[in-house]
Amino acid sequence: MRRSGLPSGLPITKVGDYGANGTPPTTASNSLMYQANTISFTAPSGTTPATINDSAGLFADNHFGGDTTIVLVTGSGTNDGTYTIASKGVTLSSLSLASTDSLTTESAAVAGLVKIYRVLYFIDDAPGCPLCHSLNSR
């Protein structure tokens, strides 16, 4: 029976930039999910969370999901920022935000064109070991 491994017989190790139990750094990137002139905002009230509303009812069609980090860019600049959609906070016409997020009430006419971006995270690849990208692998 033949063992797989490096030709030198040394085991593959992960020593270097990320440490024995570390993880590689990531980079955030924004990807446009949806834009419309039909989006309004409702401020939180009591136990009711802040919501983003779409009178066209296209949130589910554009694959919004719970626990997603989104970035809003509005024509008015009032509610621009980074928010998190609540775990079960997606319907056809509204997105309920996490309890820690807050919005200012604003109509669709005042908000203007609203662009909603999804935040995606990518691992920063570095040259080196093809398995762990460490420059110090043995």
C-alpha atoms as a PDB file:
ATOM      1  CA  MET A   1       0.000   0.000   0.000  1.00  0.00           C
ATOM      2  CA  ARG A   2       1.391   3.369  -0.957  1.00  0.00           C
ATOM      3  CA  ARG A   3       0.942   6.451   1.234  1.00  0.00           C
ATOM      4  CA  SER A   4       0.058   9.761  -0.313  1.00  0.00           C
ATOM      5  CA  GLY A   5       1.886  12.913   0.692  1.00  0.00           C
ATOM      6  CA  LEU A   6       4.824  14.995  -0.363  1.00  0.00           C
ATOM      7  CA  PRO A   7       7.605  13.261  -2.305  1.00  0.00           C
ATOM      8  CA  SER A   8      10.013  14.074   0.536  1.00  0.00           C
ATOM      9  CA  GLY A   9       7.874  12.112   2.985  1.00  0.00           C
ATOM     10  CA  LEU A  10       7.220  15.226   5.092  1.00  0.00           C
ATOM     11  CA  PRO A  11       3.607  15.804   6.116  1.00  0.00           C
ATOM     12  CA  ILE A  12       1.706  18.772   4.734  1.00  0.00           C
ATOM     13  CA  THR A  13       1.614  21.432   7.430  1.00  0.00           C
ATOM     14  CA  LYS A  14       0.009  24.804   7.817  1.00  0.00           C
ATOM     15  CA  VAL A  15       2.627  27.044   9.365  1.00  0.00           C
ATOM     16  CA  GLY A  16       2.891  30.684   8.531  1.00  0.00           C
ATOM     17  CA  ASP A  17       0.814  33.770   8.052  1.00  0.00           C
ATOM     18  CA  TYR A  18      -2.381  32.442   9.648  1.00  0.00           C
ATOM     19  CA  GLY A  19      -0.960  30.415  12.517  1.00  0.00           C
ATOM     20  CA  ALA A  20      -1.936  26.883  13.474  1.00  0.00           C
ATOM     21  CA  ASN A  21      -5.638  27.662  13.997  1.00  0.00           C
ATOM     22  CA  GLY A  22      -5.962  31.004  12.248  1.00  0.00           C
ATOM     23  CA  THR A  23      -8.117  31.956   9.322  1.00  0.00           C
ATOM     24  CA  PRO A  24      -7.106  33.967   6.285  1.00  0.00           C
ATOM     25  CA  PRO A  25      -8.242  37.590   6.102  1.00  0.00           C
ATOM     26  CA  THR A  26     -11.336  38.451   4.082  1.00  0.00           C
ATOM     27  CA  THR A  27     -12.359  41.374   1.911  1.00  0.00           C
ATOM     28  CA  ALA A  28     -15.927  42.700   1.742  1.00  0.00           C
ATOM     29  CA  SER A  29     -17.454  43.496  -1.636  1.00  0.00           C
ATOM     30  CA  ASN A  30     -20.881  44.939  -2.470  1.00  0.00           C
ATOM     31  CA  SER A  31     -23.091  43.332  -5.119  1.00  0.00           C
ATOM     32  CA  LEU A  32     -26.227  45.142  -6.366  1.00  0.00           C
ATOM     33  CA  MET A  33     -29.329  43.060  -5.594  1.00  0.00           C
ATOM     34  CA  TYR A  34     -32.196  45.424  -6.337  1.00  0.00           C
ATOM     35  CA  GLN A  35     -32.979  49.029  -7.171  1.00  0.00           C
ATOM     36  CA  ALA A  36     -36.326  50.795  -7.397  1.00  0.00           C
ATOM     37  CA  ASN A  37     -38.224  54.050  -6.884  1.00  0.00           C
ATOM     38  CA  THR A  38     -40.924  52.185  -4.927  1.00  0.00           C
ATOM     39  CA  ILE A  39     -38.992  51.674  -1.665  1.00  0.00           C
ATOM     40  CA  SER A  40     -39.941  53.431   1.588  1.00  0.00           C
ATOM     41  CA  PHE A  41     -38.666  53.193   5.157  1.00  0.00           C
ATOM     42  CA  THR A  42     -40.387  52.870   8.532  1.00  0.00           C
ATOM     43  CA  ALA A  43     -38.631  53.697  11.811  1.00  0.00           C
ATOM     44  CA  PRO A  44     -38.774  51.172  14.671  1.00  0.00           C
ATOM     45  CA  SER A  45     -41.555  51.628  17.228  1.00  0.00           C
ATOM     46  CA  GLY A  46     -41.632  49.782  20.552  1.00  0.00           C
ATOM     47  CA  THR A  47     -41.069  46.104  19.785  1.00  0.00           C
ATOM     48  CA  THR A  48     -41.729  46.565  16.051  1.00  0.00           C
ATOM     49  CA  PRO A  49     -38.414  46.596  14.168  1.00  0.00           C
ATOM     50  CA  ALA A  50     -37.392  49.040  11.452  1.00  0.00           C
ATOM     51  CA  THR A  51     -38.655  47.970   8.021  1.00  0.00           C
ATOM     52  CA  ILE A  52     -37.836  48.601   4.396  1.00  0.00           C
ATOM     53  CA  ASN A  53     -40.994  48.472   2.276  1.00  0.00           C
ATOM     54  CA  ASP A  54     -41.445  47.959  -1.466  1.00  0.00           C
ATOM     55  CA  SER A  55     -44.845  48.768  -2.944  1.00  0.00           C
ATOM     56  CA  ALA A  56     -43.880  46.699  -6.025  1.00  0.00           C
ATOM     57  CA  GLY A  57     -43.519  43.601  -3.774  1.00  0.00           C
ATOM     58  CA  LEU A  58     -40.345  42.239  -5.371  1.00  0.00           C
ATOM     59  CA  PHE A  59     -38.090  41.475  -2.394  1.00  0.00           C
ATOM     60  CA  ALA A  60     -38.612  37.682  -2.484  1.00  0.00           C
ATOM     61  CA  ASP A  61     -38.246  37.652  -6.275  1.00  0.00           C
ATOM     62  CA  ASN A  62     -34.805  39.230  -5.869  1.00  0.00           C
ATOM     63  CA  HIS A  63     -33.625  36.496  -3.468  1.00  0.00           C
ATOM     64  CA  PHE A  64     -33.403  38.479  -0.244  1.00  0.00           C
ATOM     65  CA  GLY A  65     -32.891  36.260   2.785  1.00  0.00           C
ATOM     66  CA  GLY A  66     -32.737  36.519   6.542  1.00  0.00           C
ATOM     67  CA  ASP A  67     -29.465  37.288   8.342  1.00  0.00           C
ATOM     68  CA  THR A  68     -28.136  39.003   5.206  1.00  0.00           C
ATOM     69  CA  THR A  69     -26.002  42.126   5.520  1.00  0.00           C
ATOM     70  CA  ILE A  70     -27.145  44.816   3.091  1.00  0.00           C
ATOM     71  CA  VAL A  71     -25.950  48.299   2.178  1.00  0.00           C
ATOM     72  CA  LEU A  72     -28.533  50.941   1.277  1.00  0.00           C
ATOM     73  CA  VAL A  73     -27.882  53.887  -1.009  1.00  0.00           C
ATOM     74  CA  THR A  74     -30.843  56.255  -1.358  1.00  0.00           C
ATOM     75  CA  GLY A  75     -31.427  59.278  -3.532  1.00  0.00           C
ATOM     76  CA  SER A  76     -32.073  61.398  -0.416  1.00  0.00           C
ATOM     77  CA  GLY A  77     -29.082  60.141   1.603  1.00  0.00           C
ATOM     78  CA  THR A  78     -31.232  59.844   4.757  1.00  0.00           C
ATOM     79  CA  ASN A  79     -31.125  56.064   5.313  1.00  0.00           C
ATOM     80  CA  ASP A  80     -27.814  55.287   3.616  1.00  0.00           C
ATOM     81  CA  GLY A  81     -25.865  52.705   5.601  1.00  0.00           C
ATOM     82  CA  THR A  82     -25.226  49.061   6.430  1.00  0.00           C
ATOM     83  CA  TYR A  83     -28.015  46.967   7.945  1.00  0.00           C
ATOM     84  CA  THR A  84     -28.822  43.324   8.733  1.00  0.00           C
ATOM     85  CA  ILE A  85     -32.097  41.679   7.725  1.00  0.00           C
ATOM     86  CA  ALA A  86     -33.709  39.835  10.662  1.00  0.00           C
ATOM     87  CA  SER A  87     -33.614  36.031  10.671  1.00  0.00           C
ATOM     88  CA  LYS A  88     -37.197  35.623   9.377  1.00  0.00           C
ATOM     89  CA  GLY A  89     -37.610  39.169   8.169  1.00  0.00           C
ATOM     90  CA  VAL A  90     -38.394  38.817   4.458  1.00  0.00           C
ATOM     91  CA  THR A  91     -41.820  39.041   2.812  1.00  0.00           C
ATOM     92  CA  LEU A  92     -42.737  40.029  -0.730  1.00  0.00           C
ATOM     93  CA  SER A  93     -43.114  43.684   0.211  1.00  0.00           C
ATOM     94  CA  SER A  94     -41.010  44.245   3.348  1.00  0.00           C
ATOM     95  CA  LEU A  95     -37.657  43.573   4.969  1.00  0.00           C
ATOM     96  CA  SER A  96     -37.608  43.631   8.776  1.00  0.00           C
ATOM     97  CA  LEU A  97     -34.230  44.646  10.130  1.00  0.00           C
ATOM     98  CA  ALA A  98     -32.326  43.333  13.140  1.00  0.00           C
ATOM     99  CA  SER A  99     -33.390  44.838  16.466  1.00  0.00           C
ATOM    100  CA  THR A 100     -30.104  46.765  16.694  1.00  0.00           C
ATOM    101  CA  ASP A 101     -30.715  48.592  13.381  1.00  0.00           C
ATOM    102  CA  SER A 102     -32.649  51.836  13.088  1.00  0.00           C
ATOM    103  CA  LEU A 103     -34.059  53.805  10.147  1.00  0.00           C
ATOM    104  CA  THR A 104     -35.711  57.179   9.676  1.00  0.00           C
ATOM    105  CA  THR A 105     -39.286  57.086   8.332  1.00  0.00           C
ATOM    106  CA  GLU A 106     -39.196  58.175   4.700  1.00  0.00           C
ATOM    107  CA  SER A 107     -41.617  57.856   1.767  1.00  0.00           C
ATOM    108  CA  ALA A 108     -40.629  56.390  -1.578  1.00  0.00           C
ATOM    109  CA  ALA A 109     -41.109  59.798  -3.229  1.00  0.00           C
ATOM    110  CA  VAL A 110     -38.580  61.429  -0.892  1.00  0.00           C
ATOM    111  CA  ALA A 111     -36.116  58.496  -0.925  1.00  0.00           C
ATOM    112  CA  GLY A 112     -35.916  58.521  -4.721  1.00  0.00           C
ATOM    113  CA  LEU A 113     -33.989  55.726  -6.411  1.00  0.00           C
ATOM    114  CA  VAL A 114     -32.924  53.248  -3.729  1.00  0.00           C
ATOM    115  CA  LYS A 115     -30.155  50.745  -4.426  1.00  0.00           C
ATOM    116  CA  ILE A 116     -29.762  47.725  -2.150  1.00  0.00           C
ATOM    117  CA  TYR A 117     -26.447  45.904  -2.196  1.00  0.00           C
ATOM    118  CA  ARG A 118     -25.627  42.535  -0.613  1.00  0.00           C
ATOM    119  CA  VAL A 119     -22.293  42.365   1.208  1.00  0.00           C
ATOM    120  CA  LEU A 120     -20.178  39.427   0.017  1.00  0.00           C
ATOM    121  CA  TYR A 121     -16.957  38.298   1.679  1.00  0.00           C
ATOM    122  CA  PHE A 122     -13.998  36.840  -0.208  1.00  0.00           C
ATOM    123  CA  ILE A 123     -10.861  35.200   1.185  1.00  0.00           C
ATOM    124  CA  ASP A 124      -7.741  37.176   0.353  1.00  0.00           C
ATOM    125  CA  ASP A 125      -5.647  34.754  -1.670  1.00  0.00           C
ATOM    126  CA  ALA A 126      -1.906  35.074  -1.439  1.00  0.00           C
ATOM    127  CA  PRO A 127       0.725  33.253  -3.463  1.00  0.00           C
ATOM    128  CA  GLY A 128       2.471  30.350  -1.793  1.00  0.00           C
ATOM    129  CA  CYS A 129       1.260  26.941  -0.733  1.00  0.00           C
ATOM    130  CA  PRO A 130      -1.671  25.916  -2.987  1.00  0.00           C
ATOM    131  CA  LEU A 131      -3.471  24.364  -0.009  1.00  0.00           C
ATOM    132  CA  CYS A 132      -3.211  27.101   2.607  1.00  0.00           C
ATOM    133  CA  HIS A 133      -1.621  30.022   0.688  1.00  0.00           C
ATOM    134  CA  SER A 134       1.054  30.374   3.358  1.00  0.00           C
ATOM    135  CA  LEU A 135       4.437  31.625   2.189  1.00  0.00           C
ATOM    136  CA  ASN A 136       6.085  29.756   5.079  1.00  0.00           C
ATOM    137  CA  SER A 137       4.774  26.226   4.489  1.00  0.00           C
ATOM    138  CA  ARG A 138       7.278  23.433   4.807  1.00  0.00           C
END
